[in-house]
């Protein structure tokens, strides 16, 4: 009788672990409520976060004012600022694909 109870408990715990694993995988491995892991990408920012993210993005350029102007314009439209000081624009497709009239990149 004890062996049957042990087997039932083991089976129940394996079922619970399997269901938990499925839920985690359904949330793309982020666990559902760890928003900090997805800090880059389309729509990853709120509009009030744009100035601080653009300050970070433009901190190493010699053209700080134009960088800040266009970064904030792009951030307010795309709600995304790529990581780092330069490049990495593939993380934010809207930021990456917004072009000037001449066809150059609009966002720093």
N, C-alpha and C. Protein backbone atom coordinates (compact mmCIF):
# COMPACT_ATOMS: atom_id res chain seq x y z
N UNK A 1 0.82 -1.20 0.00
CA UNK A 1 0.00 0.00 0.00
C UNK A 1 0.87 1.26 0.00
N UNK A 2 1.97 1.25 0.76
CA UNK A 2 2.86 2.41 0.83
C UNK A 2 3.52 2.66 -0.53
N UNK A 3 3.80 1.56 -1.24
CA UNK A 3 4.42 1.70 -2.55
C UNK A 3 3.45 2.35 -3.54
N UNK A 4 2.17 2.05 -3.46
CA UNK A 4 1.17 2.64 -4.34
C UNK A 4 1.05 4.14 -4.06
N UNK A 5 1.05 4.54 -2.79
CA UNK A 5 0.98 5.96 -2.41
C UNK A 5 2.22 6.70 -2.90
N UNK A 6 3.38 6.06 -2.77
CA UNK A 6 4.62 6.69 -3.23
C UNK A 6 4.59 6.88 -4.74
N UNK A 7 4.15 5.88 -5.49
CA UNK A 7 4.08 5.96 -6.94
C UNK A 7 3.09 7.05 -7.37
N UNK A 8 1.95 7.14 -6.67
CA UNK A 8 0.95 8.16 -7.00
C UNK A 8 1.50 9.56 -6.73
N UNK A 9 2.20 9.74 -5.61
CA UNK A 9 2.79 11.04 -5.28
C UNK A 9 3.87 11.42 -6.29
N UNK A 10 4.66 10.45 -6.68
CA UNK A 10 5.71 10.70 -7.68
C UNK A 10 5.10 11.09 -9.02
N UNK A 11 4.07 10.38 -9.43
CA UNK A 11 3.40 10.68 -10.68
C UNK A 11 2.75 12.07 -10.65
N UNK A 12 2.13 12.41 -9.54
CA UNK A 12 1.50 13.71 -9.38
C UNK A 12 2.54 14.84 -9.41
N UNK A 13 3.67 14.64 -8.76
CA UNK A 13 4.71 15.68 -8.76
C UNK A 13 5.32 15.84 -10.15
N UNK A 14 5.50 14.73 -10.89
CA UNK A 14 6.02 14.83 -12.25
C UNK A 14 5.04 15.56 -13.16
N UNK A 15 3.76 15.32 -12.97
CA UNK A 15 2.74 16.02 -13.74
C UNK A 15 2.77 17.52 -13.45
N UNK A 16 2.90 17.89 -12.17
CA UNK A 16 2.96 19.31 -11.79
C UNK A 16 4.20 19.98 -12.38
N UNK A 17 5.34 19.32 -12.35
CA UNK A 17 6.57 19.87 -12.92
C UNK A 17 6.43 20.04 -14.42
N UNK A 18 5.79 19.07 -15.07
CA UNK A 18 5.58 19.15 -16.52
C UNK A 18 4.69 20.34 -16.87
N UNK A 19 3.63 20.56 -16.10
CA UNK A 19 2.73 21.68 -16.35
C UNK A 19 3.47 23.01 -16.13
N UNK A 20 4.28 23.10 -15.11
CA UNK A 20 5.05 24.32 -14.83
C UNK A 20 6.02 24.59 -15.98
N UNK A 21 6.69 23.55 -16.46
CA UNK A 21 7.63 23.70 -17.57
C UNK A 21 6.91 24.20 -18.82
N UNK A 22 5.73 23.70 -19.08
CA UNK A 22 4.94 24.13 -20.23
C UNK A 22 4.58 25.60 -20.13
N UNK A 23 4.19 26.03 -18.93
CA UNK A 23 3.84 27.44 -18.73
C UNK A 23 5.04 28.34 -18.95
N UNK A 24 6.20 27.95 -18.48
CA UNK A 24 7.41 28.75 -18.65
C UNK A 24 7.78 28.83 -20.13
N UNK A 25 7.70 27.71 -20.83
CA UNK A 25 8.04 27.71 -22.25
C UNK A 25 7.03 28.52 -23.07
N UNK A 26 5.78 28.55 -22.63
CA UNK A 26 4.77 29.33 -23.33
C UNK A 26 5.05 30.83 -23.22
N UNK A 27 5.75 31.23 -22.18
CA UNK A 27 6.14 32.63 -21.99
C UNK A 27 7.53 32.88 -22.56
N UNK A 28 7.95 32.08 -23.51
CA UNK A 28 9.24 32.23 -24.19
C UNK A 28 10.41 32.18 -23.22
N UNK A 29 10.29 31.41 -22.18
CA UNK A 29 11.38 31.24 -21.25
C UNK A 29 11.59 32.38 -20.30
N UNK A 30 10.72 33.38 -20.28
CA UNK A 30 10.90 34.53 -19.40
C UNK A 30 10.20 34.37 -18.07
N UNK A 31 9.49 33.28 -17.86
CA UNK A 31 8.84 33.04 -16.59
C UNK A 31 7.58 33.85 -16.39
N UNK A 32 7.14 34.62 -17.36
CA UNK A 32 5.88 35.31 -17.27
C UNK A 32 5.93 36.67 -16.62
N UNK A 33 6.64 36.83 -15.52
CA UNK A 33 6.60 38.11 -14.83
C UNK A 33 7.98 38.71 -14.62
N UNK A 34 8.95 38.32 -15.39
CA UNK A 34 10.28 38.92 -15.30
C UNK A 34 10.47 39.87 -16.46
N UNK A 35 9.80 41.02 -16.41
CA UNK A 35 9.84 41.97 -17.52
C UNK A 35 11.23 42.55 -17.73
N UNK A 36 12.08 42.55 -16.73
CA UNK A 36 13.41 43.13 -16.85
C UNK A 36 14.27 42.40 -17.85
N UNK A 37 13.98 41.12 -18.12
CA UNK A 37 14.78 40.36 -19.07
C UNK A 37 14.55 40.81 -20.49
N UNK A 38 13.41 41.41 -20.77
CA UNK A 38 13.08 41.84 -22.12
C UNK A 38 13.12 43.37 -22.18
N UNK A 39 14.28 43.93 -21.90
CA UNK A 39 14.35 45.39 -21.81
C UNK A 39 14.60 46.05 -23.16
N UNK A 40 14.84 45.28 -24.21
CA UNK A 40 15.04 45.85 -25.53
C UNK A 40 14.05 45.22 -26.48
N UNK A 41 13.76 45.92 -27.55
CA UNK A 41 12.83 45.40 -28.55
C UNK A 41 11.64 46.32 -28.70
N UNK A 42 10.84 46.10 -29.74
CA UNK A 42 9.71 46.97 -30.01
C UNK A 42 8.74 47.06 -28.84
N UNK A 43 8.42 48.27 -28.44
CA UNK A 43 7.46 48.48 -27.36
C UNK A 43 7.97 48.15 -25.99
N UNK A 44 9.28 48.03 -25.83
CA UNK A 44 9.83 47.63 -24.53
C UNK A 44 9.91 48.79 -23.54
N UNK A 45 9.71 50.03 -24.01
CA UNK A 45 9.80 51.20 -23.14
C UNK A 45 8.46 51.91 -23.02
N UNK A 46 8.31 52.65 -21.97
CA UNK A 46 7.21 53.61 -21.81
C UNK A 46 7.77 54.97 -22.25
N UNK A 47 6.92 55.88 -22.67
CA UNK A 47 7.40 57.16 -23.20
C UNK A 47 8.21 57.95 -22.18
N UNK A 48 7.90 57.82 -20.89
CA UNK A 48 8.66 58.56 -19.87
C UNK A 48 10.07 58.00 -19.69
N UNK A 49 10.37 56.81 -20.24
CA UNK A 49 11.71 56.24 -20.13
C UNK A 49 12.63 56.68 -21.26
N UNK A 50 12.09 57.32 -22.28
CA UNK A 50 12.90 57.71 -23.44
C UNK A 50 14.05 58.65 -23.10
N UNK A 51 13.84 59.72 -22.30
CA UNK A 51 14.99 60.61 -22.05
C UNK A 51 16.18 59.92 -21.40
N UNK A 52 15.95 59.04 -20.44
CA UNK A 52 17.09 58.38 -19.79
C UNK A 52 17.75 57.38 -20.73
N UNK A 53 16.97 56.68 -21.55
CA UNK A 53 17.56 55.73 -22.49
C UNK A 53 18.33 56.46 -23.60
N UNK A 54 17.83 57.61 -24.03
CA UNK A 54 18.54 58.38 -25.05
C UNK A 54 19.80 59.03 -24.47
N UNK A 55 19.76 59.42 -23.21
CA UNK A 55 20.98 59.94 -22.57
C UNK A 55 22.05 58.86 -22.56
N UNK A 56 21.67 57.62 -22.25
CA UNK A 56 22.61 56.50 -22.28
C UNK A 56 23.12 56.29 -23.70
N UNK A 57 22.22 56.26 -24.66
CA UNK A 57 22.57 55.97 -26.06
C UNK A 57 23.50 57.04 -26.63
N UNK A 58 23.28 58.30 -26.28
CA UNK A 58 24.02 59.42 -26.87
C UNK A 58 25.19 59.88 -26.00
N UNK A 59 25.51 59.19 -24.94
CA UNK A 59 26.50 59.67 -23.98
C UNK A 59 27.92 59.73 -24.53
N UNK A 60 28.25 58.97 -25.56
CA UNK A 60 29.63 58.95 -26.05
C UNK A 60 29.82 59.63 -27.40
N UNK A 61 28.81 60.34 -27.89
CA UNK A 61 28.96 61.00 -29.19
C UNK A 61 29.39 62.44 -29.00
N UNK A 62 30.08 62.98 -29.97
CA UNK A 62 30.45 64.40 -29.90
C UNK A 62 29.30 65.28 -30.38
N UNK A 63 28.28 64.67 -30.97
CA UNK A 63 27.10 65.40 -31.45
C UNK A 63 25.91 65.12 -30.53
N UNK A 64 26.07 65.49 -29.27
CA UNK A 64 25.10 65.12 -28.23
C UNK A 64 23.70 65.69 -28.49
N UNK A 65 23.61 66.98 -28.81
CA UNK A 65 22.28 67.60 -28.98
C UNK A 65 21.49 66.99 -30.14
N UNK A 66 22.06 66.88 -31.36
CA UNK A 66 21.27 66.24 -32.42
C UNK A 66 20.96 64.78 -32.13
N UNK A 67 21.89 64.09 -31.51
CA UNK A 67 21.66 62.69 -31.15
C UNK A 67 20.47 62.59 -30.21
N UNK A 68 20.43 63.43 -29.19
CA UNK A 68 19.32 63.41 -28.22
C UNK A 68 18.00 63.77 -28.90
N UNK A 69 18.01 64.76 -29.78
CA UNK A 69 16.79 65.18 -30.47
C UNK A 69 16.20 64.03 -31.27
N UNK A 70 17.02 63.41 -32.12
CA UNK A 70 16.51 62.35 -32.99
C UNK A 70 16.25 61.07 -32.21
N UNK A 71 17.06 60.78 -31.22
CA UNK A 71 16.82 59.58 -30.41
C UNK A 71 15.47 59.68 -29.70
N UNK A 72 15.18 60.83 -29.12
CA UNK A 72 13.90 60.98 -28.41
C UNK A 72 12.73 60.95 -29.39
N UNK A 73 12.90 61.50 -30.57
CA UNK A 73 11.86 61.45 -31.59
C UNK A 73 11.60 59.99 -31.99
N UNK A 74 12.66 59.24 -32.21
CA UNK A 74 12.54 57.84 -32.60
C UNK A 74 11.97 57.00 -31.46
N UNK A 75 12.42 57.27 -30.25
CA UNK A 75 11.95 56.51 -29.09
C UNK A 75 10.46 56.75 -28.86
N UNK A 76 10.02 57.99 -29.02
CA UNK A 76 8.60 58.26 -28.78
C UNK A 76 7.72 57.57 -29.82
N UNK A 77 8.25 57.37 -31.03
CA UNK A 77 7.49 56.66 -32.07
C UNK A 77 7.58 55.15 -31.89
N UNK A 78 8.79 54.66 -31.63
CA UNK A 78 9.03 53.21 -31.62
C UNK A 78 8.94 52.58 -30.23
N UNK A 79 9.05 53.40 -29.19
CA UNK A 79 9.10 52.91 -27.80
C UNK A 79 10.19 51.87 -27.62
N UNK A 80 11.34 52.19 -28.21
CA UNK A 80 12.49 51.29 -28.16
C UNK A 80 13.76 52.08 -28.42
N UNK A 81 14.82 51.79 -27.67
CA UNK A 81 16.15 52.34 -27.94
C UNK A 81 17.11 51.17 -27.87
N UNK A 82 17.92 50.96 -28.92
CA UNK A 82 18.82 49.80 -28.93
C UNK A 82 19.84 49.85 -27.79
N UNK A 83 20.35 48.70 -27.39
CA UNK A 83 21.38 48.67 -26.35
C UNK A 83 22.70 49.23 -26.87
N UNK A 84 23.52 49.69 -25.97
CA UNK A 84 24.84 50.19 -26.34
C UNK A 84 24.80 51.63 -26.80
N UNK A 85 25.97 52.11 -27.24
CA UNK A 85 26.14 53.49 -27.65
C UNK A 85 26.05 53.66 -29.16
N UNK A 86 26.23 52.55 -29.90
CA UNK A 86 26.26 52.60 -31.36
C UNK A 86 25.86 51.23 -31.89
N UNK A 87 25.18 51.20 -33.02
CA UNK A 87 24.81 49.93 -33.63
C UNK A 87 23.69 49.23 -32.89
N UNK A 88 23.63 47.92 -32.99
CA UNK A 88 22.63 47.07 -32.35
C UNK A 88 21.20 47.44 -32.73
N UNK A 89 21.01 48.09 -33.87
CA UNK A 89 19.68 48.58 -34.25
C UNK A 89 18.74 47.46 -34.66
N UNK A 90 19.25 46.28 -34.96
CA UNK A 90 18.40 45.16 -35.37
C UNK A 90 17.43 44.75 -34.26
N UNK A 91 17.77 45.11 -33.02
CA UNK A 91 16.91 44.79 -31.88
C UNK A 91 15.61 45.58 -31.95
N UNK A 92 15.65 46.76 -32.56
CA UNK A 92 14.48 47.64 -32.66
C UNK A 92 14.18 47.90 -34.14
N UNK A 93 13.39 47.06 -34.78
CA UNK A 93 13.15 47.22 -36.22
C UNK A 93 12.60 48.58 -36.61
N UNK A 94 11.66 49.12 -35.84
CA UNK A 94 11.09 50.45 -36.16
C UNK A 94 12.21 51.50 -36.13
N UNK A 95 13.03 51.46 -35.10
CA UNK A 95 14.15 52.38 -34.91
C UNK A 95 15.13 52.23 -36.07
N UNK A 96 15.35 51.01 -36.48
CA UNK A 96 16.32 50.71 -37.53
C UNK A 96 15.80 51.10 -38.92
N UNK A 97 14.51 50.95 -39.17
CA UNK A 97 13.97 51.13 -40.51
C UNK A 97 13.46 52.53 -40.81
N UNK A 98 13.42 53.41 -39.83
CA UNK A 98 12.94 54.77 -40.06
C UNK A 98 14.07 55.55 -40.74
N UNK A 99 13.83 56.03 -41.96
CA UNK A 99 14.87 56.67 -42.77
C UNK A 99 14.55 58.14 -43.02
N UNK A 100 15.59 58.91 -43.35
CA UNK A 100 15.42 60.31 -43.75
C UNK A 100 14.93 60.35 -45.20
N UNK A 101 14.61 61.56 -45.69
CA UNK A 101 14.18 61.70 -47.08
C UNK A 101 15.25 61.23 -48.04
N UNK A 102 16.51 61.39 -47.64
CA UNK A 102 17.63 60.98 -48.49
C UNK A 102 17.90 59.48 -48.41
N UNK A 103 17.25 58.79 -47.49
CA UNK A 103 17.45 57.34 -47.36
C UNK A 103 18.42 56.93 -46.28
N UNK A 104 18.98 57.90 -45.57
CA UNK A 104 19.89 57.56 -44.48
C UNK A 104 19.13 57.23 -43.21
N UNK A 105 19.83 56.72 -42.21
CA UNK A 105 19.15 56.39 -40.94
C UNK A 105 18.68 57.64 -40.21
N UNK A 106 17.47 57.63 -39.74
CA UNK A 106 16.92 58.77 -38.99
C UNK A 106 17.31 58.68 -37.52
N UNK A 107 17.39 57.46 -37.01
CA UNK A 107 17.62 57.26 -35.58
C UNK A 107 19.08 56.93 -35.29
N UNK A 108 19.64 57.57 -34.26
CA UNK A 108 21.05 57.33 -33.93
C UNK A 108 21.30 55.98 -33.28
